[in-house]
N, C-alpha and C. Protein backbone atom coordinates (compact mmCIF):
# COMPACT_ATOMS: atom_id res chain seq x y z
N MET A 1 63.09 -50.29 -185.43
CA MET A 1 62.91 -49.09 -186.24
C MET A 1 62.92 -49.46 -187.71
N THR A 2 62.01 -48.87 -188.45
CA THR A 2 62.00 -49.07 -189.89
C THR A 2 61.99 -47.71 -190.56
N ALA A 3 62.42 -47.68 -191.77
CA ALA A 3 62.43 -46.43 -192.51
C ALA A 3 62.16 -46.71 -193.96
N GLY A 4 61.38 -45.82 -194.57
CA GLY A 4 61.13 -45.92 -196.00
C GLY A 4 61.97 -44.93 -196.75
N GLY A 5 62.13 -45.18 -198.03
CA GLY A 5 62.92 -44.29 -198.86
C GLY A 5 62.10 -43.13 -199.37
N ASN A 6 62.76 -42.27 -200.15
CA ASN A 6 62.07 -41.13 -200.72
C ASN A 6 61.04 -41.59 -201.75
N VAL A 7 59.94 -40.87 -201.80
CA VAL A 7 58.93 -41.14 -202.82
C VAL A 7 59.45 -40.69 -204.18
N TYR A 8 60.18 -39.59 -204.21
CA TYR A 8 60.83 -39.14 -205.43
C TYR A 8 62.07 -38.35 -205.04
N ASP A 9 62.94 -38.14 -206.00
CA ASP A 9 64.21 -37.47 -205.75
C ASP A 9 64.01 -35.96 -205.85
N LYS A 10 63.81 -35.31 -204.70
CA LYS A 10 63.55 -33.88 -204.71
C LYS A 10 64.74 -33.06 -205.18
N TYR A 11 65.95 -33.62 -205.02
CA TYR A 11 67.14 -32.90 -205.42
C TYR A 11 67.27 -32.79 -206.94
N ALA A 12 66.59 -33.67 -207.65
CA ALA A 12 66.66 -33.65 -209.11
C ALA A 12 65.45 -32.97 -209.75
N SER A 13 64.58 -32.39 -208.93
CA SER A 13 63.37 -31.75 -209.46
C SER A 13 63.72 -30.58 -210.38
N ARG A 14 62.96 -30.45 -211.47
CA ARG A 14 63.14 -29.32 -212.39
C ARG A 14 62.10 -28.23 -212.15
N ASN A 15 61.19 -28.49 -211.20
CA ASN A 15 60.20 -27.47 -210.86
C ASN A 15 60.91 -26.30 -210.19
N PRO A 16 60.77 -25.08 -210.71
CA PRO A 16 61.54 -23.95 -210.17
C PRO A 16 61.22 -23.63 -208.71
N ILE A 17 59.97 -23.83 -208.31
CA ILE A 17 59.61 -23.56 -206.91
C ILE A 17 60.25 -24.60 -206.00
N GLU A 18 60.14 -25.88 -206.38
CA GLU A 18 60.77 -26.93 -205.59
C GLU A 18 62.28 -26.74 -205.53
N ARG A 19 62.88 -26.34 -206.65
CA ARG A 19 64.33 -26.12 -206.68
C ARG A 19 64.72 -25.03 -205.70
N ARG A 20 63.94 -23.96 -205.66
CA ARG A 20 64.25 -22.86 -204.75
C ARG A 20 64.16 -23.31 -203.30
N LEU A 21 63.14 -24.11 -202.99
CA LEU A 21 62.99 -24.61 -201.63
C LEU A 21 64.15 -25.53 -201.25
N VAL A 22 64.52 -26.43 -202.15
CA VAL A 22 65.62 -27.36 -201.87
C VAL A 22 66.93 -26.61 -201.75
N ASP A 23 67.16 -25.61 -202.60
CA ASP A 23 68.39 -24.82 -202.51
C ASP A 23 68.47 -24.11 -201.16
N GLY A 24 67.33 -23.60 -200.68
CA GLY A 24 67.31 -22.95 -199.38
C GLY A 24 67.61 -23.93 -198.25
N PHE A 25 67.09 -25.14 -198.39
CA PHE A 25 67.36 -26.20 -197.42
C PHE A 25 68.86 -26.53 -197.38
N LEU A 26 69.45 -26.73 -198.53
CA LEU A 26 70.87 -27.09 -198.60
C LEU A 26 71.76 -25.95 -198.10
N GLU A 27 71.35 -24.73 -198.35
CA GLU A 27 72.12 -23.59 -197.85
C GLU A 27 72.17 -23.60 -196.33
N GLN A 28 71.04 -23.91 -195.70
CA GLN A 28 71.00 -23.95 -194.24
C GLN A 28 71.81 -25.13 -193.69
N VAL A 29 71.77 -26.25 -194.38
CA VAL A 29 72.61 -27.39 -193.98
C VAL A 29 74.07 -26.97 -193.96
N GLY A 30 74.51 -26.31 -195.03
CA GLY A 30 75.89 -25.87 -195.12
C GLY A 30 76.27 -24.89 -194.02
N GLU A 31 75.38 -23.95 -193.73
CA GLU A 31 75.67 -22.95 -192.70
C GLU A 31 75.79 -23.60 -191.32
N LEU A 32 74.90 -24.54 -191.00
CA LEU A 32 74.96 -25.19 -189.70
C LEU A 32 76.17 -26.11 -189.59
N ALA A 33 76.51 -26.78 -190.68
CA ALA A 33 77.72 -27.60 -190.67
C ALA A 33 78.95 -26.73 -190.42
N ASP A 34 78.99 -25.57 -191.06
CA ASP A 34 80.10 -24.65 -190.85
C ASP A 34 80.15 -24.18 -189.40
N ARG A 35 78.99 -23.95 -188.81
CA ARG A 35 78.96 -23.47 -187.43
C ARG A 35 79.52 -24.50 -186.47
N SER A 36 79.38 -25.77 -186.79
CA SER A 36 79.90 -26.82 -185.91
C SER A 36 81.42 -26.86 -185.90
N ASN A 37 82.04 -26.31 -186.95
CA ASN A 37 83.50 -26.38 -187.13
C ASN A 37 84.01 -27.82 -187.20
N ALA A 38 83.15 -28.75 -187.56
CA ALA A 38 83.54 -30.15 -187.67
C ALA A 38 84.44 -30.35 -188.88
N THR A 39 85.32 -31.33 -188.79
CA THR A 39 86.18 -31.68 -189.91
C THR A 39 85.79 -33.02 -190.53
N GLU A 40 84.90 -33.76 -189.84
CA GLU A 40 84.43 -35.04 -190.39
C GLU A 40 82.97 -35.24 -190.02
N ALA A 41 82.27 -35.94 -190.90
CA ALA A 41 80.82 -36.11 -190.72
C ALA A 41 80.39 -37.50 -191.18
N HIS A 42 79.31 -37.97 -190.57
CA HIS A 42 78.64 -39.19 -191.00
C HIS A 42 77.18 -38.83 -191.24
N GLU A 43 76.75 -38.96 -192.51
CA GLU A 43 75.34 -38.71 -192.82
C GLU A 43 74.57 -40.02 -192.69
N VAL A 44 73.66 -40.05 -191.74
CA VAL A 44 72.83 -41.23 -191.49
C VAL A 44 71.54 -41.08 -192.29
N GLY A 45 71.21 -42.09 -193.09
CA GLY A 45 70.06 -41.97 -193.98
C GLY A 45 70.41 -41.04 -195.13
N CYS A 46 71.53 -41.32 -195.79
CA CYS A 46 72.09 -40.38 -196.76
C CYS A 46 71.33 -40.32 -198.08
N GLY A 47 70.43 -41.27 -198.33
CA GLY A 47 69.71 -41.24 -199.59
C GLY A 47 70.66 -41.23 -200.78
N GLU A 48 70.37 -40.35 -201.73
CA GLU A 48 71.17 -40.30 -202.96
C GLU A 48 72.49 -39.59 -202.79
N GLY A 49 72.81 -39.15 -201.57
CA GLY A 49 74.12 -38.61 -201.29
C GLY A 49 74.32 -37.13 -201.57
N GLU A 50 73.24 -36.39 -201.78
CA GLU A 50 73.39 -34.97 -202.10
C GLU A 50 74.02 -34.19 -200.94
N ILE A 51 73.57 -34.44 -199.72
CA ILE A 51 74.13 -33.72 -198.58
C ILE A 51 75.55 -34.18 -198.30
N SER A 52 75.80 -35.48 -198.39
CA SER A 52 77.17 -35.98 -198.22
C SER A 52 78.12 -35.32 -199.20
N THR A 53 77.70 -35.20 -200.45
CA THR A 53 78.52 -34.56 -201.46
C THR A 53 78.73 -33.09 -201.14
N LEU A 54 77.67 -32.42 -200.68
CA LEU A 54 77.78 -31.01 -200.29
C LEU A 54 78.83 -30.83 -199.20
N LEU A 55 78.78 -31.69 -198.18
CA LEU A 55 79.72 -31.59 -197.07
C LEU A 55 81.15 -31.88 -197.53
N ALA A 56 81.30 -32.87 -198.40
CA ALA A 56 82.63 -33.19 -198.92
C ALA A 56 83.19 -32.02 -199.72
N ARG A 57 82.34 -31.34 -200.46
CA ARG A 57 82.79 -30.18 -201.23
C ARG A 57 83.25 -29.05 -200.30
N ARG A 58 82.73 -29.04 -199.06
CA ARG A 58 83.12 -28.01 -198.10
C ARG A 58 84.36 -28.42 -197.32
N GLY A 59 84.96 -29.53 -197.71
CA GLY A 59 86.23 -29.92 -197.12
C GLY A 59 86.17 -30.91 -195.98
N LEU A 60 84.98 -31.44 -195.65
CA LEU A 60 84.87 -32.41 -194.57
C LEU A 60 85.20 -33.81 -195.08
N ARG A 61 85.73 -34.64 -194.20
CA ARG A 61 85.83 -36.07 -194.47
C ARG A 61 84.46 -36.66 -194.17
N VAL A 62 83.88 -37.35 -195.14
CA VAL A 62 82.47 -37.72 -195.03
C VAL A 62 82.26 -39.21 -195.23
N ARG A 63 81.41 -39.78 -194.39
CA ARG A 63 80.87 -41.13 -194.56
C ARG A 63 79.36 -41.01 -194.68
N GLY A 64 78.75 -41.98 -195.33
CA GLY A 64 77.30 -41.99 -195.44
C GLY A 64 76.76 -43.40 -195.29
N SER A 65 75.59 -43.51 -194.68
CA SER A 65 74.94 -44.82 -194.55
C SER A 65 73.47 -44.67 -194.86
N ASP A 66 72.89 -45.74 -195.37
CA ASP A 66 71.46 -45.76 -195.67
C ASP A 66 70.99 -47.21 -195.64
N VAL A 67 69.73 -47.40 -195.32
CA VAL A 67 69.19 -48.75 -195.21
C VAL A 67 69.13 -49.45 -196.57
N SER A 68 69.07 -48.67 -197.66
CA SER A 68 68.90 -49.23 -199.00
C SER A 68 70.23 -49.37 -199.73
N ALA A 69 70.61 -50.60 -200.06
CA ALA A 69 71.84 -50.83 -200.82
C ALA A 69 71.73 -50.21 -202.21
N GLU A 70 70.55 -50.23 -202.79
CA GLU A 70 70.36 -49.65 -204.12
C GLU A 70 70.60 -48.14 -204.10
N VAL A 71 70.09 -47.48 -203.08
CA VAL A 71 70.29 -46.04 -202.94
C VAL A 71 71.76 -45.72 -202.70
N ILE A 72 72.44 -46.56 -201.93
CA ILE A 72 73.86 -46.36 -201.67
C ILE A 72 74.65 -46.38 -202.98
N GLU A 73 74.30 -47.27 -203.89
CA GLU A 73 74.98 -47.30 -205.18
C GLU A 73 74.78 -46.01 -205.95
N GLU A 74 73.57 -45.46 -205.88
CA GLU A 74 73.31 -44.18 -206.55
C GLU A 74 74.11 -43.06 -205.88
N ALA A 75 74.21 -43.09 -204.55
CA ALA A 75 75.00 -42.08 -203.84
C ALA A 75 76.46 -42.15 -204.26
N ARG A 76 76.99 -43.36 -204.38
CA ARG A 76 78.38 -43.52 -204.83
C ARG A 76 78.57 -42.92 -206.23
N ARG A 77 77.62 -43.20 -207.11
CA ARG A 77 77.72 -42.69 -208.48
C ARG A 77 77.73 -41.17 -208.49
N ARG A 78 76.86 -40.56 -207.68
CA ARG A 78 76.77 -39.10 -207.68
C ARG A 78 78.00 -38.44 -207.08
N SER A 79 78.51 -39.00 -206.00
CA SER A 79 79.70 -38.39 -205.39
C SER A 79 80.91 -38.53 -206.31
N GLN A 80 81.02 -39.65 -206.99
CA GLN A 80 82.12 -39.83 -207.94
C GLN A 80 82.00 -38.85 -209.10
N ALA A 81 80.77 -38.66 -209.58
CA ALA A 81 80.54 -37.72 -210.68
C ALA A 81 80.88 -36.29 -210.25
N ALA A 82 80.69 -36.00 -208.95
CA ALA A 82 80.99 -34.66 -208.43
C ALA A 82 82.47 -34.49 -208.12
N GLY A 83 83.23 -35.58 -208.22
CA GLY A 83 84.66 -35.50 -207.99
C GLY A 83 85.07 -35.42 -206.54
N VAL A 84 84.22 -35.95 -205.64
CA VAL A 84 84.56 -35.95 -204.21
C VAL A 84 84.58 -37.38 -203.69
N THR A 85 85.25 -37.57 -202.57
CA THR A 85 85.35 -38.88 -201.96
C THR A 85 84.44 -38.97 -200.75
N VAL A 86 83.48 -39.89 -200.79
CA VAL A 86 82.60 -40.18 -199.66
C VAL A 86 82.57 -41.69 -199.50
N HIS A 87 82.72 -42.16 -198.29
CA HIS A 87 82.69 -43.59 -198.02
C HIS A 87 81.28 -43.99 -197.59
N TYR A 88 80.63 -44.82 -198.39
CA TYR A 88 79.24 -45.21 -198.14
C TYR A 88 79.15 -46.69 -197.75
N ARG A 89 78.12 -47.00 -196.96
CA ARG A 89 77.79 -48.39 -196.71
C ARG A 89 76.31 -48.51 -196.42
N ALA A 90 75.76 -49.68 -196.72
CA ALA A 90 74.35 -49.94 -196.45
C ALA A 90 74.20 -50.39 -195.00
N ALA A 91 73.40 -49.66 -194.23
CA ALA A 91 73.15 -50.01 -192.83
C ALA A 91 71.94 -49.24 -192.33
N ALA A 92 71.09 -49.92 -191.58
CA ALA A 92 69.95 -49.28 -190.94
C ALA A 92 70.42 -48.52 -189.70
N ILE A 93 69.66 -47.52 -189.29
CA ILE A 93 70.02 -46.77 -188.09
C ILE A 93 70.19 -47.69 -186.90
N SER A 94 69.31 -48.67 -186.79
CA SER A 94 69.34 -49.57 -185.63
C SER A 94 70.59 -50.44 -185.62
N ASP A 95 71.31 -50.52 -186.74
CA ASP A 95 72.53 -51.33 -186.81
C ASP A 95 73.80 -50.51 -186.53
N LEU A 96 73.68 -49.21 -186.39
CA LEU A 96 74.85 -48.37 -186.20
C LEU A 96 75.35 -48.47 -184.77
N ARG A 97 76.67 -48.44 -184.62
CA ARG A 97 77.31 -48.57 -183.32
C ARG A 97 78.36 -47.48 -183.14
N ALA A 98 78.45 -46.97 -181.93
CA ALA A 98 79.33 -45.84 -181.66
C ALA A 98 80.79 -46.15 -181.98
N ASP A 99 81.23 -47.38 -181.72
CA ASP A 99 82.65 -47.68 -181.92
C ASP A 99 83.04 -47.69 -183.39
N HIS A 100 82.06 -47.77 -184.28
CA HIS A 100 82.35 -47.81 -185.71
C HIS A 100 81.77 -46.62 -186.45
N ASP A 101 80.66 -46.07 -185.97
CA ASP A 101 79.89 -45.10 -186.75
C ASP A 101 79.82 -43.70 -186.16
N ALA A 102 80.42 -43.48 -184.98
CA ALA A 102 80.41 -42.15 -184.39
C ALA A 102 81.20 -41.18 -185.26
N ALA A 103 80.86 -39.89 -185.16
CA ALA A 103 81.58 -38.87 -185.92
C ALA A 103 81.45 -37.54 -185.19
N GLU A 104 82.35 -36.65 -185.53
CA GLU A 104 82.33 -35.31 -184.95
C GLU A 104 81.00 -34.61 -185.26
N LEU A 105 80.49 -34.83 -186.46
CA LEU A 105 79.19 -34.29 -186.87
C LEU A 105 78.35 -35.41 -187.46
N ILE A 106 77.22 -35.70 -186.82
CA ILE A 106 76.24 -36.63 -187.36
C ILE A 106 75.16 -35.81 -188.05
N VAL A 107 74.86 -36.15 -189.30
CA VAL A 107 73.83 -35.46 -190.07
C VAL A 107 72.72 -36.46 -190.38
N CYS A 108 71.49 -36.05 -190.09
CA CYS A 108 70.35 -36.95 -190.35
C CYS A 108 69.16 -36.10 -190.78
N CYS A 109 68.98 -35.98 -192.08
CA CYS A 109 67.94 -35.12 -192.64
C CYS A 109 66.87 -35.94 -193.34
N GLU A 110 65.61 -35.66 -193.02
CA GLU A 110 64.47 -36.32 -193.67
C GLU A 110 64.47 -37.82 -193.42
N VAL A 111 64.73 -38.21 -192.18
CA VAL A 111 64.76 -39.62 -191.82
C VAL A 111 63.81 -39.93 -190.67
N LEU A 112 63.84 -39.13 -189.61
CA LEU A 112 63.08 -39.46 -188.40
C LEU A 112 61.59 -39.63 -188.67
N GLU A 113 61.06 -38.90 -189.65
CA GLU A 113 59.63 -39.02 -189.94
C GLU A 113 59.27 -40.37 -190.55
N HIS A 114 60.26 -41.13 -191.01
CA HIS A 114 60.02 -42.45 -191.59
C HIS A 114 60.10 -43.57 -190.55
N LEU A 115 60.53 -43.27 -189.34
CA LEU A 115 60.77 -44.31 -188.34
C LEU A 115 59.52 -44.58 -187.53
N ASP A 116 59.28 -45.86 -187.23
CA ASP A 116 58.15 -46.18 -186.36
C ASP A 116 58.46 -45.89 -184.90
N ASP A 117 59.74 -45.68 -184.56
CA ASP A 117 60.15 -45.29 -183.21
C ASP A 117 61.18 -44.17 -183.31
N PRO A 118 60.74 -42.95 -183.59
CA PRO A 118 61.70 -41.85 -183.77
C PRO A 118 62.50 -41.53 -182.52
N ASP A 119 61.93 -41.77 -181.33
CA ASP A 119 62.67 -41.51 -180.10
C ASP A 119 63.89 -42.43 -180.00
N ALA A 120 63.71 -43.71 -180.36
CA ALA A 120 64.83 -44.64 -180.36
C ALA A 120 65.86 -44.23 -181.41
N GLY A 121 65.37 -43.76 -182.56
CA GLY A 121 66.29 -43.29 -183.60
C GLY A 121 67.11 -42.11 -183.12
N LEU A 122 66.45 -41.16 -182.44
CA LEU A 122 67.15 -40.00 -181.92
C LEU A 122 68.16 -40.40 -180.85
N GLU A 123 67.80 -41.37 -180.03
CA GLU A 123 68.74 -41.86 -179.02
C GLU A 123 70.00 -42.42 -179.67
N THR A 124 69.83 -43.18 -180.75
CA THR A 124 70.98 -43.71 -181.47
C THR A 124 71.83 -42.58 -182.03
N LEU A 125 71.20 -41.60 -182.66
CA LEU A 125 71.93 -40.48 -183.24
C LEU A 125 72.71 -39.71 -182.18
N ALA A 126 72.08 -39.48 -181.03
CA ALA A 126 72.75 -38.76 -179.95
C ALA A 126 73.96 -39.54 -179.45
N GLY A 127 73.86 -40.87 -179.47
CA GLY A 127 74.97 -41.70 -179.04
C GLY A 127 76.13 -41.71 -180.02
N LEU A 128 75.87 -41.34 -181.27
CA LEU A 128 76.91 -41.30 -182.29
C LEU A 128 77.59 -39.94 -182.38
N ALA A 129 76.91 -38.90 -181.92
CA ALA A 129 77.40 -37.53 -182.07
C ALA A 129 78.57 -37.26 -181.15
N ARG A 130 79.70 -36.75 -181.73
CA ARG A 130 80.90 -36.46 -180.96
C ARG A 130 81.41 -35.04 -181.19
N PRO A 131 80.67 -33.99 -180.89
CA PRO A 131 79.42 -33.97 -180.15
C PRO A 131 78.23 -33.51 -180.97
N TRP A 132 78.42 -33.21 -182.28
CA TRP A 132 77.40 -32.46 -183.02
C TRP A 132 76.41 -33.36 -183.75
N LEU A 133 75.15 -32.90 -183.78
CA LEU A 133 74.07 -33.55 -184.52
C LEU A 133 73.32 -32.48 -185.29
N LEU A 134 73.22 -32.67 -186.61
CA LEU A 134 72.43 -31.79 -187.47
C LEU A 134 71.28 -32.62 -188.01
N VAL A 135 70.05 -32.20 -187.71
CA VAL A 135 68.90 -33.04 -188.02
C VAL A 135 67.74 -32.19 -188.52
N SER A 136 66.94 -32.75 -189.43
CA SER A 136 65.78 -32.01 -189.94
C SER A 136 64.62 -32.95 -190.19
N VAL A 137 63.42 -32.37 -190.16
CA VAL A 137 62.18 -33.08 -190.51
C VAL A 137 61.25 -32.11 -191.24
N PRO A 138 60.27 -32.62 -191.98
CA PRO A 138 59.26 -31.74 -192.57
C PRO A 138 58.48 -31.00 -191.47
N ARG A 139 58.19 -29.74 -191.72
CA ARG A 139 57.45 -28.94 -190.73
C ARG A 139 55.95 -29.02 -191.01
N GLU A 140 55.24 -29.55 -190.05
CA GLU A 140 53.79 -29.69 -190.17
C GLU A 140 53.07 -28.56 -189.41
N PRO A 141 51.87 -28.17 -189.88
CA PRO A 141 51.12 -28.75 -191.00
C PRO A 141 51.47 -28.16 -192.37
N ILE A 142 52.53 -27.34 -192.43
CA ILE A 142 52.87 -26.67 -193.69
C ILE A 142 53.19 -27.68 -194.77
N TRP A 143 53.92 -28.75 -194.41
CA TRP A 143 54.32 -29.75 -195.39
C TRP A 143 53.10 -30.32 -196.12
N ARG A 144 52.11 -30.75 -195.34
CA ARG A 144 50.93 -31.36 -195.96
C ARG A 144 50.12 -30.32 -196.72
N ALA A 145 50.07 -29.09 -196.21
CA ALA A 145 49.33 -28.04 -196.91
C ALA A 145 49.94 -27.77 -198.28
N LEU A 146 51.25 -27.76 -198.35
CA LEU A 146 51.91 -27.53 -199.65
C LEU A 146 51.69 -28.70 -200.59
N ASN A 147 51.68 -29.92 -200.06
CA ASN A 147 51.36 -31.07 -200.91
C ASN A 147 49.95 -30.94 -201.49
N LEU A 148 49.01 -30.58 -200.65
CA LEU A 148 47.63 -30.43 -201.12
C LEU A 148 47.53 -29.30 -202.15
N ALA A 149 48.28 -28.23 -201.95
CA ALA A 149 48.24 -27.10 -202.87
C ALA A 149 48.73 -27.48 -204.26
N ARG A 150 49.62 -28.49 -204.33
CA ARG A 150 50.09 -28.94 -205.65
C ARG A 150 49.37 -30.21 -206.10
N GLY A 151 48.29 -30.56 -205.40
CA GLY A 151 47.46 -31.68 -205.81
C GLY A 151 48.05 -33.05 -205.53
N LYS A 152 48.95 -33.15 -204.54
CA LYS A 152 49.62 -34.41 -204.23
C LYS A 152 49.03 -35.04 -202.96
N TYR A 153 48.86 -36.36 -203.01
CA TYR A 153 48.45 -37.18 -201.85
C TYR A 153 47.15 -36.67 -201.22
N VAL A 154 46.22 -36.30 -202.07
CA VAL A 154 44.96 -35.71 -201.60
C VAL A 154 44.19 -36.69 -200.73
N ARG A 155 44.16 -37.96 -201.11
CA ARG A 155 43.42 -38.96 -200.32
C ARG A 155 43.98 -39.13 -198.92
N ASP A 156 45.27 -38.82 -198.77
CA ASP A 156 45.92 -38.91 -197.45
C ASP A 156 46.08 -37.55 -196.81
N LEU A 157 45.26 -36.59 -197.25
CA LEU A 157 45.28 -35.23 -196.70
C LEU A 157 46.67 -34.60 -196.76
N GLY A 158 47.37 -34.90 -197.86
CA GLY A 158 48.66 -34.28 -198.09
C GLY A 158 49.83 -34.97 -197.43
N ASN A 159 49.59 -36.07 -196.74
CA ASN A 159 50.69 -36.77 -196.06
C ASN A 159 51.49 -37.58 -197.07
N THR A 160 52.78 -37.32 -197.13
CA THR A 160 53.66 -38.05 -198.04
C THR A 160 53.72 -39.52 -197.64
N PRO A 161 53.57 -40.45 -198.58
CA PRO A 161 53.66 -41.87 -198.24
C PRO A 161 54.95 -42.19 -197.49
N GLY A 162 54.82 -42.95 -196.42
CA GLY A 162 55.99 -43.32 -195.63
C GLY A 162 56.28 -42.41 -194.46
N HIS A 163 55.59 -41.26 -194.39
CA HIS A 163 55.79 -40.36 -193.26
C HIS A 163 54.92 -40.83 -192.10
N LEU A 164 55.58 -41.35 -191.07
CA LEU A 164 54.88 -41.86 -189.88
C LEU A 164 54.85 -40.85 -188.75
N GLY A 165 55.88 -40.01 -188.68
CA GLY A 165 55.96 -38.99 -187.65
C GLY A 165 55.68 -37.62 -188.22
N HIS A 166 55.04 -36.76 -187.40
CA HIS A 166 54.66 -35.42 -187.85
C HIS A 166 54.90 -34.44 -186.71
N TRP A 167 55.69 -33.39 -187.00
CA TRP A 167 56.03 -32.44 -185.95
C TRP A 167 55.88 -31.01 -186.43
N SER A 168 55.31 -30.18 -185.57
CA SER A 168 55.42 -28.74 -185.73
C SER A 168 56.83 -28.33 -185.33
N ARG A 169 57.19 -27.10 -185.58
CA ARG A 169 58.51 -26.61 -185.17
C ARG A 169 58.69 -26.81 -183.67
N ARG A 170 57.70 -26.37 -182.90
CA ARG A 170 57.78 -26.48 -181.44
C ARG A 170 57.85 -27.92 -181.00
N GLY A 171 57.05 -28.79 -181.62
CA GLY A 171 57.03 -30.19 -181.23
C GLY A 171 58.34 -30.88 -181.53
N PHE A 172 58.96 -30.53 -182.65
CA PHE A 172 60.24 -31.16 -182.99
C PHE A 172 61.34 -30.72 -182.02
N ILE A 173 61.36 -29.44 -181.70
CA ILE A 173 62.36 -28.94 -180.74
C ILE A 173 62.19 -29.65 -179.40
N ALA A 174 60.94 -29.86 -178.98
CA ALA A 174 60.69 -30.56 -177.72
C ALA A 174 61.22 -31.99 -177.77
N LEU A 175 61.01 -32.66 -178.91
CA LEU A 175 61.55 -34.02 -179.06
C LEU A 175 63.07 -34.00 -178.95
N LEU A 176 63.72 -33.08 -179.63
CA LEU A 176 65.17 -33.00 -179.59
C LEU A 176 65.68 -32.75 -178.18
N ARG A 177 65.04 -31.85 -177.47
CA ARG A 177 65.51 -31.49 -176.14
C ARG A 177 65.39 -32.64 -175.14
N SER A 178 64.64 -33.67 -175.49
CA SER A 178 64.57 -34.83 -174.61
C SER A 178 65.85 -35.65 -174.65
N ARG A 179 66.70 -35.41 -175.68
CA ARG A 179 67.91 -36.23 -175.86
C ARG A 179 69.19 -35.42 -176.03
N VAL A 180 69.08 -34.20 -176.55
CA VAL A 180 70.27 -33.41 -176.89
C VAL A 180 70.05 -31.95 -176.52
N ASP A 181 71.13 -31.18 -176.52
CA ASP A 181 71.05 -29.74 -176.31
C ASP A 181 70.90 -29.05 -177.67
N VAL A 182 69.84 -28.29 -177.84
CA VAL A 182 69.58 -27.60 -179.10
C VAL A 182 70.35 -26.28 -179.12
N VAL A 183 71.21 -26.12 -180.11
CA VAL A 183 72.09 -24.95 -180.20
C VAL A 183 71.54 -23.91 -181.16
N ASP A 184 71.00 -24.33 -182.29
CA ASP A 184 70.53 -23.40 -183.32
C ASP A 184 69.40 -24.07 -184.08
N VAL A 185 68.34 -23.33 -184.34
CA VAL A 185 67.18 -23.85 -185.08
C VAL A 185 66.95 -22.99 -186.30
N ARG A 186 66.77 -23.62 -187.44
CA ARG A 186 66.46 -22.92 -188.69
C ARG A 186 65.13 -23.45 -189.24
N SER A 187 64.49 -22.62 -190.06
CA SER A 187 63.19 -23.00 -190.62
C SER A 187 63.12 -22.77 -192.11
N PRO A 188 63.98 -23.42 -192.88
CA PRO A 188 63.86 -23.29 -194.34
C PRO A 188 62.56 -23.95 -194.79
N LEU A 189 61.70 -23.18 -195.44
CA LEU A 189 60.39 -23.70 -195.84
C LEU A 189 60.55 -24.91 -196.76
N PRO A 190 59.84 -26.03 -196.48
CA PRO A 190 58.93 -26.31 -195.36
C PRO A 190 59.52 -27.33 -194.37
N TRP A 191 60.68 -27.03 -193.81
CA TRP A 191 61.34 -27.95 -192.88
C TRP A 191 61.65 -27.25 -191.56
N THR A 192 61.92 -28.06 -190.55
CA THR A 192 62.56 -27.58 -189.32
C THR A 192 63.91 -28.28 -189.24
N MET A 193 64.95 -27.50 -188.96
CA MET A 193 66.32 -28.01 -188.95
C MET A 193 67.00 -27.50 -187.69
N ALA A 194 67.81 -28.35 -187.08
CA ALA A 194 68.48 -27.94 -185.84
C ALA A 194 69.90 -28.48 -185.77
N LEU A 195 70.77 -27.65 -185.24
CA LEU A 195 72.11 -28.08 -184.86
C LEU A 195 72.10 -28.31 -183.36
N CYS A 196 72.49 -29.51 -182.95
CA CYS A 196 72.41 -29.90 -181.56
C CYS A 196 73.76 -30.42 -181.07
N ARG A 197 73.89 -30.45 -179.75
CA ARG A 197 75.09 -30.99 -179.13
C ARG A 197 74.68 -32.11 -178.19
N ALA A 198 75.36 -33.23 -178.30
CA ALA A 198 75.04 -34.36 -177.43
C ALA A 198 75.25 -33.98 -175.97
N ASN A 199 74.35 -34.41 -175.11
CA ASN A 199 74.41 -34.06 -173.70
C ASN A 199 75.73 -34.53 -173.09
N GLY A 200 76.41 -33.63 -172.38
CA GLY A 200 77.63 -33.97 -171.68
C GLY A 200 78.85 -34.05 -172.55
N ARG A 201 78.75 -33.61 -173.83
CA ARG A 201 79.92 -33.68 -174.72
C ARG A 201 80.27 -32.29 -175.24
């Protein structure tokens, strides 16, 4: 499995429309995390640490991992600036192990679309969830249509560089159901987000 990083930091965007979309996304993350009643979380593919910081602010004990050591340093800087404690380490999804990386709530947002084997990635995530998994991907074809509407990635028909997987809402739910029990699905534009429970847990 391989994964690419973000093309740009959407959380730092000053565009008012993008800010509104991201704020709606983060609101749904918080609501689903609250629904899990988890007290600790591991964000897999944490990027710059915005979601990890959000969860820590809500009182969870939080760890974060990402394939990029450089991004991990930025995540540490942001969580420290926010005055919260998050334990970060550089690690690819394929390197994560249940005995070290499992958590009551596994969070993995905007990662599966970067993997060349998303099914294997989902299998790993399900194996880490004790029992909760909160996961999201861009919702297609809306994602690419919005990119085209703002004049981005026109030569690639609106596909964000590094996005290897593409799912409609229905297609993503079907993928999830192959590995986990889907408890709640949200559709903050332009994403699909789900709170899931690992099978048998």
